[in-house]
Amino acid sequence: MARMQIANETSTWLLQAKDFLYEARRLKPGPERNDLRQTAKILREIARLEAISQSALGRDWRQRTGSGGESAV
């Protein structure tokens, strides 16, 4: 199973997804459980996109300031 690498600071989205999955596991199979699992899936996707966005912002900042060993063109 692939694991998502989590930084020292866990995303609020991931914590919420964990709570939704915990609640879904307590329910019997059915539509309500499926809804909670789908919500958790969407929250994990939001967390992934947020991490990508923050990473891109960090790269952009390093390029503009000249730090990070890369030369800005």
PDB file of N, CA and C in Angstrom:
ATOM      1  N   MET A   1       0.850  -1.181   0.000  1.00  0.00           N
ATOM      2  CA  MET A   1       0.000   0.000   0.000  1.00  0.00           C
ATOM      3  C   MET A   1       0.894   1.241   0.000  1.00  0.00           C
ATOM      4  N   ALA A   2       0.592   2.182  -0.864  1.00  0.00           N
ATOM      5  CA  ALA A   2       1.373   3.420  -0.923  1.00  0.00           C
ATOM      6  C   ALA A   2       1.038   4.291   0.278  1.00  0.00           C
ATOM      7  N   ARG A   3       2.071   4.909   0.815  1.00  0.00           N
ATOM      8  CA  ARG A   3       1.865   5.787   1.966  1.00  0.00           C
ATOM      9  C   ARG A   3       2.184   7.214   1.574  1.00  0.00           C
ATOM     10  N   MET A   4       1.373   8.146   2.075  1.00  0.00           N
ATOM     11  CA  MET A   4       1.611   9.555   1.825  1.00  0.00           C
ATOM     12  C   MET A   4       2.628  10.052   2.841  1.00  0.00           C
ATOM     13  N   GLN A   5       3.628  10.772   2.355  1.00  0.00           N
ATOM     14  CA  GLN A   5       4.622  11.316   3.267  1.00  0.00           C
ATOM     15  C   GLN A   5       4.021  12.547   3.940  1.00  0.00           C
ATOM     16  N   ILE A   6       4.056  12.557   5.268  1.00  0.00           N
ATOM     17  CA  ILE A   6       3.444  13.636   6.033  1.00  0.00           C
ATOM     18  C   ILE A   6       4.542  14.435   6.715  1.00  0.00           C
ATOM     19  N   ALA A   7       4.487  15.734   6.552  1.00  0.00           N
ATOM     20  CA  ALA A   7       5.472  16.619   7.180  1.00  0.00           C
ATOM     21  C   ALA A   7       5.230  16.665   8.684  1.00  0.00           C
ATOM     22  N   ASN A   8       6.122  17.362   9.376  1.00  0.00           N
ATOM     23  CA  ASN A   8       5.986  17.493  10.828  1.00  0.00           C
ATOM     24  C   ASN A   8       4.641  18.085  11.209  1.00  0.00           C
ATOM     25  N   GLU A   9       4.130  18.980  10.385  1.00  0.00           N
ATOM     26  CA  GLU A   9       2.856  19.629  10.655  1.00  0.00           C
ATOM     27  C   GLU A   9       1.777  18.941   9.833  1.00  0.00           C
ATOM     28  N   THR A  10       0.911  18.182  10.475  1.00  0.00           N
ATOM     29  CA  THR A  10      -0.134  17.451   9.759  1.00  0.00           C
ATOM     30  C   THR A  10      -1.231  18.421   9.330  1.00  0.00           C
ATOM     31  N   SER A  11      -1.650  18.280   8.103  1.00  0.00           N
ATOM     32  CA  SER A  11      -2.679  19.139   7.540  1.00  0.00           C
ATOM     33  C   SER A  11      -4.004  18.975   8.282  1.00  0.00           C
ATOM     34  N   THR A  12      -4.703  20.063   8.435  1.00  0.00           N
ATOM     35  CA  THR A  12      -6.030  20.035   9.043  1.00  0.00           C
ATOM     36  C   THR A  12      -6.961  19.157   8.214  1.00  0.00           C
ATOM     37  N   TRP A  13      -6.778  19.200   6.893  1.00  0.00           N
ATOM     38  CA  TRP A  13      -7.605  18.382   5.995  1.00  0.00           C
ATOM     39  C   TRP A  13      -7.396  16.899   6.283  1.00  0.00           C
ATOM     40  N   LEU A  14      -6.145  16.494   6.498  1.00  0.00           N
ATOM     41  CA  LEU A  14      -5.863  15.088   6.775  1.00  0.00           C
ATOM     42  C   LEU A  14      -6.417  14.656   8.128  1.00  0.00           C
ATOM     43  N   LEU A  15      -6.358  15.540   9.093  1.00  0.00           N
ATOM     44  CA  LEU A  15      -6.924  15.218  10.408  1.00  0.00           C
ATOM     45  C   LEU A  15      -8.437  15.041  10.322  1.00  0.00           C
ATOM     46  N   GLN A  16      -9.079  15.901   9.536  1.00  0.00           N
ATOM     47  CA  GLN A  16     -10.530  15.769   9.363  1.00  0.00           C
ATOM     48  C   GLN A  16     -10.870  14.478   8.626  1.00  0.00           C
ATOM     49  N   ALA A  17     -10.073  14.144   7.609  1.00  0.00           N
ATOM     50  CA  ALA A  17     -10.304  12.906   6.861  1.00  0.00           C
ATOM     51  C   ALA A  17     -10.186  11.701   7.789  1.00  0.00           C
ATOM     52  N   LYS A  18      -9.203  11.736   8.682  1.00  0.00           N
ATOM     53  CA  LYS A  18      -9.021  10.651   9.645  1.00  0.00           C
ATOM     54  C   LYS A  18     -10.261  10.500  10.521  1.00  0.00           C
ATOM     55  N   ASP A  19     -10.821  11.625  10.978  1.00  0.00           N
ATOM     56  CA  ASP A  19     -12.022  11.593  11.808  1.00  0.00           C
ATOM     57  C   ASP A  19     -13.216  11.001  11.055  1.00  0.00           C
ATOM     58  N   PHE A  20     -13.358  11.385   9.777  1.00  0.00           N
ATOM     59  CA  PHE A  20     -14.463  10.864   8.967  1.00  0.00           C
ATOM     60  C   PHE A  20     -14.312   9.357   8.769  1.00  0.00           C
ATOM     61  N   LEU A  21     -13.092   8.895   8.515  1.00  0.00           N
ATOM     62  CA  LEU A  21     -12.878   7.461   8.329  1.00  0.00           C
ATOM     63  C   LEU A  21     -13.140   6.693   9.618  1.00  0.00           C
ATOM     64  N   TYR A  22     -12.735   7.256  10.734  1.00  0.00           N
ATOM     65  CA  TYR A  22     -12.991   6.616  12.021  1.00  0.00           C
ATOM     66  C   TYR A  22     -14.499   6.448  12.239  1.00  0.00           C
ATOM     67  N   GLU A  23     -15.232   7.502  11.942  1.00  0.00           N
ATOM     68  CA  GLU A  23     -16.685   7.452  12.109  1.00  0.00           C
ATOM     69  C   GLU A  23     -17.305   6.452  11.128  1.00  0.00           C
ATOM     70  N   ALA A  24     -16.793   6.399   9.904  1.00  0.00           N
ATOM     71  CA  ALA A  24     -17.323   5.463   8.906  1.00  0.00           C
ATOM     72  C   ALA A  24     -17.115   4.023   9.342  1.00  0.00           C
ATOM     73  N   ARG A  25     -15.980   3.747   9.961  1.00  0.00           N
ATOM     74  CA  ARG A  25     -15.699   2.377  10.408  1.00  0.00           C
ATOM     75  C   ARG A  25     -16.671   1.915  11.496  1.00  0.00           C
ATOM     76  N   ARG A  26     -17.247   2.847  12.197  1.00  0.00           N
ATOM     77  CA  ARG A  26     -18.185   2.492  13.266  1.00  0.00           C
ATOM     78  C   ARG A  26     -19.570   2.141  12.725  1.00  0.00           C
ATOM     79  N   LEU A  27     -19.825   2.508  11.465  1.00  0.00           N
ATOM     80  CA  LEU A  27     -21.139   2.266  10.872  1.00  0.00           C
ATOM     81  C   LEU A  27     -21.165   0.947  10.110  1.00  0.00           C
ATOM     82  N   LYS A  28     -22.354   0.402   9.966  1.00  0.00           N
ATOM     83  CA  LYS A  28     -22.539  -0.774   9.122  1.00  0.00           C
ATOM     84  C   LYS A  28     -22.460  -0.325   7.669  1.00  0.00           C
ATOM     85  N   PRO A  29     -22.084  -1.235   6.766  1.00  0.00           N
ATOM     86  CA  PRO A  29     -22.041  -0.874   5.342  1.00  0.00           C
ATOM     87  C   PRO A  29     -23.381  -0.305   4.876  1.00  0.00           C
ATOM     88  N   GLY A  30     -23.301   0.749   4.110  1.00  0.00           N
ATOM     89  CA  GLY A  30     -24.508   1.388   3.595  1.00  0.00           C
ATOM     90  C   GLY A  30     -24.198   2.771   3.061  1.00  0.00           C
ATOM     91  N   PRO A  31     -25.233   3.495   2.648  1.00  0.00           N
ATOM     92  CA  PRO A  31     -25.043   4.809   2.017  1.00  0.00           C
ATOM     93  C   PRO A  31     -24.367   5.836   2.927  1.00  0.00           C
ATOM     94  N   GLU A  32     -24.716   5.846   4.202  1.00  0.00           N
ATOM     95  CA  GLU A  32     -24.122   6.838   5.115  1.00  0.00           C
ATOM     96  C   GLU A  32     -22.614   6.588   5.265  1.00  0.00           C
ATOM     97  N   ARG A  33     -22.255   5.325   5.404  1.00  0.00           N
ATOM     98  CA  ARG A  33     -20.833   4.970   5.512  1.00  0.00           C
ATOM     99  C   ARG A  33     -20.090   5.355   4.234  1.00  0.00           C
ATOM    100  N   ASN A  34     -20.698   5.072   3.092  1.00  0.00           N
ATOM    101  CA  ASN A  34     -20.075   5.420   1.809  1.00  0.00           C
ATOM    102  C   ASN A  34     -19.885   6.924   1.673  1.00  0.00           C
ATOM    103  N   ASP A  35     -20.860   7.694   2.134  1.00  0.00           N
ATOM    104  CA  ASP A  35     -20.748   9.157   2.084  1.00  0.00           C
ATOM    105  C   ASP A  35     -19.571   9.654   2.921  1.00  0.00           C
ATOM    106  N   LEU A  36     -19.409   9.090   4.102  1.00  0.00           N
ATOM    107  CA  LEU A  36     -18.293   9.495   4.959  1.00  0.00           C
ATOM    108  C   LEU A  36     -16.950   9.129   4.326  1.00  0.00           C
ATOM    109  N   ARG A  37     -16.869   7.950   3.731  1.00  0.00           N
ATOM    110  CA  ARG A  37     -15.623   7.530   3.080  1.00  0.00           C
ATOM    111  C   ARG A  37     -15.315   8.422   1.872  1.00  0.00           C
ATOM    112  N   GLN A  38     -16.338   8.794   1.124  1.00  0.00           N
ATOM    113  CA  GLN A  38     -16.144   9.672  -0.034  1.00  0.00           C
ATOM    114  C   GLN A  38     -15.692  11.055   0.423  1.00  0.00           C
ATOM    115  N   THR A  39     -16.261  11.547   1.503  1.00  0.00           N
ATOM    116  CA  THR A  39     -15.854  12.844   2.049  1.00  0.00           C
ATOM    117  C   THR A  39     -14.389  12.800   2.472  1.00  0.00           C
ATOM    118  N   ALA A  40     -13.983  11.728   3.119  1.00  0.00           N
ATOM    119  CA  ALA A  40     -12.587  11.574   3.536  1.00  0.00           C
ATOM    120  C   ALA A  40     -11.666  11.548   2.319  1.00  0.00           C
ATOM    121  N   LYS A  41     -12.080  10.896   1.265  1.00  0.00           N
ATOM    122  CA  LYS A  41     -11.284  10.829   0.038  1.00  0.00           C
ATOM    123  C   LYS A  41     -11.087  12.235  -0.543  1.00  0.00           C
ATOM    124  N   ILE A  42     -12.130  13.024  -0.549  1.00  0.00           N
ATOM    125  CA  ILE A  42     -12.049  14.393  -1.073  1.00  0.00           C
ATOM    126  C   ILE A  42     -11.146  15.249  -0.188  1.00  0.00           C
ATOM    127  N   LEU A  43     -11.258  15.084   1.133  1.00  0.00           N
ATOM    128  CA  LEU A  43     -10.397  15.845   2.048  1.00  0.00           C
ATOM    129  C   LEU A  43      -8.921  15.495   1.847  1.00  0.00           C
ATOM    130  N   ARG A  44      -8.623  14.214   1.600  1.00  0.00           N
ATOM    131  CA  ARG A  44      -7.234  13.823   1.334  1.00  0.00           C
ATOM    132  C   ARG A  44      -6.737  14.442   0.033  1.00  0.00           C
ATOM    133  N   GLU A  45      -7.600  14.526  -0.966  1.00  0.00           N
ATOM    134  CA  GLU A  45      -7.213  15.150  -2.242  1.00  0.00           C
ATOM    135  C   GLU A  45      -6.940  16.644  -2.048  1.00  0.00           C
ATOM    136  N   ILE A  46      -7.764  17.307  -1.257  1.00  0.00           N
ATOM    137  CA  ILE A  46      -7.542  18.726  -0.953  1.00  0.00           C
ATOM    138  C   ILE A  46      -6.198  18.902  -0.257  1.00  0.00           C
ATOM    139  N   ALA A  47      -5.884  18.036   0.694  1.00  0.00           N
ATOM    140  CA  ALA A  47      -4.612  18.109   1.411  1.00  0.00           C
ATOM    141  C   ALA A  47      -3.440  17.925   0.444  1.00  0.00           C
ATOM    142  N   ARG A  48      -3.592  16.988  -0.492  1.00  0.00           N
ATOM    143  CA  ARG A  48      -2.527  16.748  -1.472  1.00  0.00           C
ATOM    144  C   ARG A  48      -2.314  17.979  -2.356  1.00  0.00           C
ATOM    145  N   LEU A  49      -3.405  18.556  -2.829  1.00  0.00           N
ATOM    146  CA  LEU A  49      -3.301  19.744  -3.678  1.00  0.00           C
ATOM    147  C   LEU A  49      -2.723  20.931  -2.914  1.00  0.00           C
ATOM    148  N   GLU A  50      -3.097  21.069  -1.656  1.00  0.00           N
ATOM    149  CA  GLU A  50      -2.566  22.143  -0.827  1.00  0.00           C
ATOM    150  C   GLU A  50      -1.055  21.982  -0.642  1.00  0.00           C
ATOM    151  N   ALA A  51      -0.608  20.756  -0.423  1.00  0.00           N
ATOM    152  CA  ALA A  51       0.823  20.499  -0.254  1.00  0.00           C
ATOM    153  C   ALA A  51       1.586  20.816  -1.526  1.00  0.00           C
ATOM    154  N   ILE A  52       1.028  20.459  -2.672  1.00  0.00           N
ATOM    155  CA  ILE A  52       1.660  20.770  -3.955  1.00  0.00           C
ATOM    156  C   ILE A  52       1.736  22.273  -4.141  1.00  0.00           C
ATOM    157  N   SER A  53       0.662  22.964  -3.808  1.00  0.00           N
ATOM    158  CA  SER A  53       0.611  24.416  -3.949  1.00  0.00           C
ATOM    159  C   SER A  53       1.662  25.091  -3.069  1.00  0.00           C
ATOM    160  N   GLN A  54       1.761  24.661  -1.819  1.00  0.00           N
ATOM    161  CA  GLN A  54       2.744  25.251  -0.912  1.00  0.00           C
ATOM    162  C   GLN A  54       4.164  24.963  -1.377  1.00  0.00           C
ATOM    163  N   SER A  55       4.378  23.786  -1.921  1.00  0.00           N
ATOM    164  CA  SER A  55       5.695  23.416  -2.434  1.00  0.00           C
ATOM    165  C   SER A  55       6.061  24.318  -3.613  1.00  0.00           C
ATOM    166  N   ALA A  56       5.107  24.550  -4.503  1.00  0.00           N
ATOM    167  CA  ALA A  56       5.346  25.409  -5.662  1.00  0.00           C
ATOM    168  C   ALA A  56       5.610  26.848  -5.224  1.00  0.00           C
ATOM    169  N   LEU A  57       4.892  27.316  -4.224  1.00  0.00           N
ATOM    170  CA  LEU A  57       5.115  28.671  -3.722  1.00  0.00           C
ATOM    171  C   LEU A  57       6.510  28.801  -3.132  1.00  0.00           C
ATOM    172  N   GLY A  58       6.950  27.771  -2.417  1.00  0.00           N
ATOM    173  CA  GLY A  58       8.286  27.780  -1.829  1.00  0.00           C
ATOM    174  C   GLY A  58       9.365  27.811  -2.900  1.00  0.00           C
ATOM    175  N   ARG A  59       9.189  27.021  -3.958  1.00  0.00           N
ATOM    176  CA  ARG A  59      10.154  27.023  -5.065  1.00  0.00           C
ATOM    177  C   ARG A  59      10.190  28.380  -5.730  1.00  0.00           C
ATOM    178  N   ASP A  60       9.013  28.962  -5.965  1.00  0.00           N
ATOM    179  CA  ASP A  60       8.939  30.264  -6.608  1.00  0.00           C
ATOM    180  C   ASP A  60       9.646  31.322  -5.771  1.00  0.00           C
ATOM    181  N   TRP A  61       9.450  31.287  -4.451  1.00  0.00           N
ATOM    182  CA  TRP A  61      10.083  32.255  -3.559  1.00  0.00           C
ATOM    183  C   TRP A  61      11.603  32.098  -3.596  1.00  0.00           C
ATOM    184  N   ARG A  62      12.092  30.850  -3.576  1.00  0.00           N
ATOM    185  CA  ARG A  62      13.537  30.619  -3.606  1.00  0.00           C
ATOM    186  C   ARG A  62      14.132  31.114  -4.921  1.00  0.00           C
ATOM    187  N   GLN A  63      13.414  30.933  -6.003  1.00  0.00           N
ATOM    188  CA  GLN A  63      13.918  31.382  -7.302  1.00  0.00           C
ATOM    189  C   GLN A  63      13.984  32.910  -7.364  1.00  0.00           C
ATOM    190  N   ARG A  64      12.968  33.575  -6.807  1.00  0.00           N
ATOM    191  CA  ARG A  64      12.959  35.044  -6.841  1.00  0.00           C
ATOM    192  C   ARG A  64      14.007  35.644  -5.954  1.00  0.00           C
ATOM    193  N   THR A  65      14.304  34.996  -4.824  1.00  0.00           N
ATOM    194  CA  THR A  65      15.257  35.569  -3.883  1.00  0.00           C
ATOM    195  C   THR A  65      16.680  35.111  -4.180  1.00  0.00           C
ATOM    196  N   GLY A  66      16.817  34.102  -5.037  1.00  0.00           N
ATOM    197  CA  GLY A  66      18.148  33.623  -5.368  1.00  0.00           C
ATOM    198  C   GLY A  66      18.687  32.625  -4.368  1.00  0.00           C
ATOM    199  N   SER A  67      17.914  32.253  -3.360  1.00  0.00           N
ATOM    200  CA  SER A  67      18.380  31.249  -2.398  1.00  0.00           C
ATOM    201  C   SER A  67      17.970  29.872  -2.903  1.00  0.00           C
ATOM    202  N   GLY A  68      18.551  28.861  -2.337  1.00  0.00           N
ATOM    203  CA  GLY A  68      18.208  27.497  -2.738  1.00  0.00           C
ATOM    204  C   GLY A  68      19.138  26.947  -3.773  1.00  0.00           C
ATOM    205  N   GLY A  69      20.182  27.676  -4.162  1.00  0.00           N
ATOM    206  CA  GLY A  69      21.181  27.159  -5.069  1.00  0.00           C
ATOM    207  C   GLY A  69      20.795  27.210  -6.529  1.00  0.00           C
ATOM    208  N   GLU A  70      19.606  27.694  -6.834  1.00  0.00           N
ATOM    209  CA  GLU A  70      19.186  27.770  -8.229  1.00  0.00           C
ATOM    210  C   GLU A  70      19.293  29.217  -8.706  1.00  0.00           C
ATOM    211  N   SER A  71      19.696  29.373  -9.949  1.00  0.00           N
ATOM    212  CA  SER A  71      19.800  30.731 -10.485  1.00  0.00           C
ATOM    213  C   SER A  71      18.491  31.104 -11.154  1.00  0.00           C
ATOM    214  N   ALA A  72      18.017  32.294 -10.876  1.00  0.00           N
ATOM    215  CA  ALA A  72      16.787  32.785 -11.493  1.00  0.00           C
ATOM    216  C   ALA A  72      17.116  33.302 -12.884  1.00  0.00           C
ATOM    217  N   VAL A  73      16.275  32.958 -13.863  1.00  0.00           N
ATOM    218  CA  VAL A  73      16.514  33.356 -15.249  1.00  0.00           C
ATOM    219  C   VAL A  73      15.665  34.533 -15.596  1.00  0.00           C
TER     220      VAL A  73
END
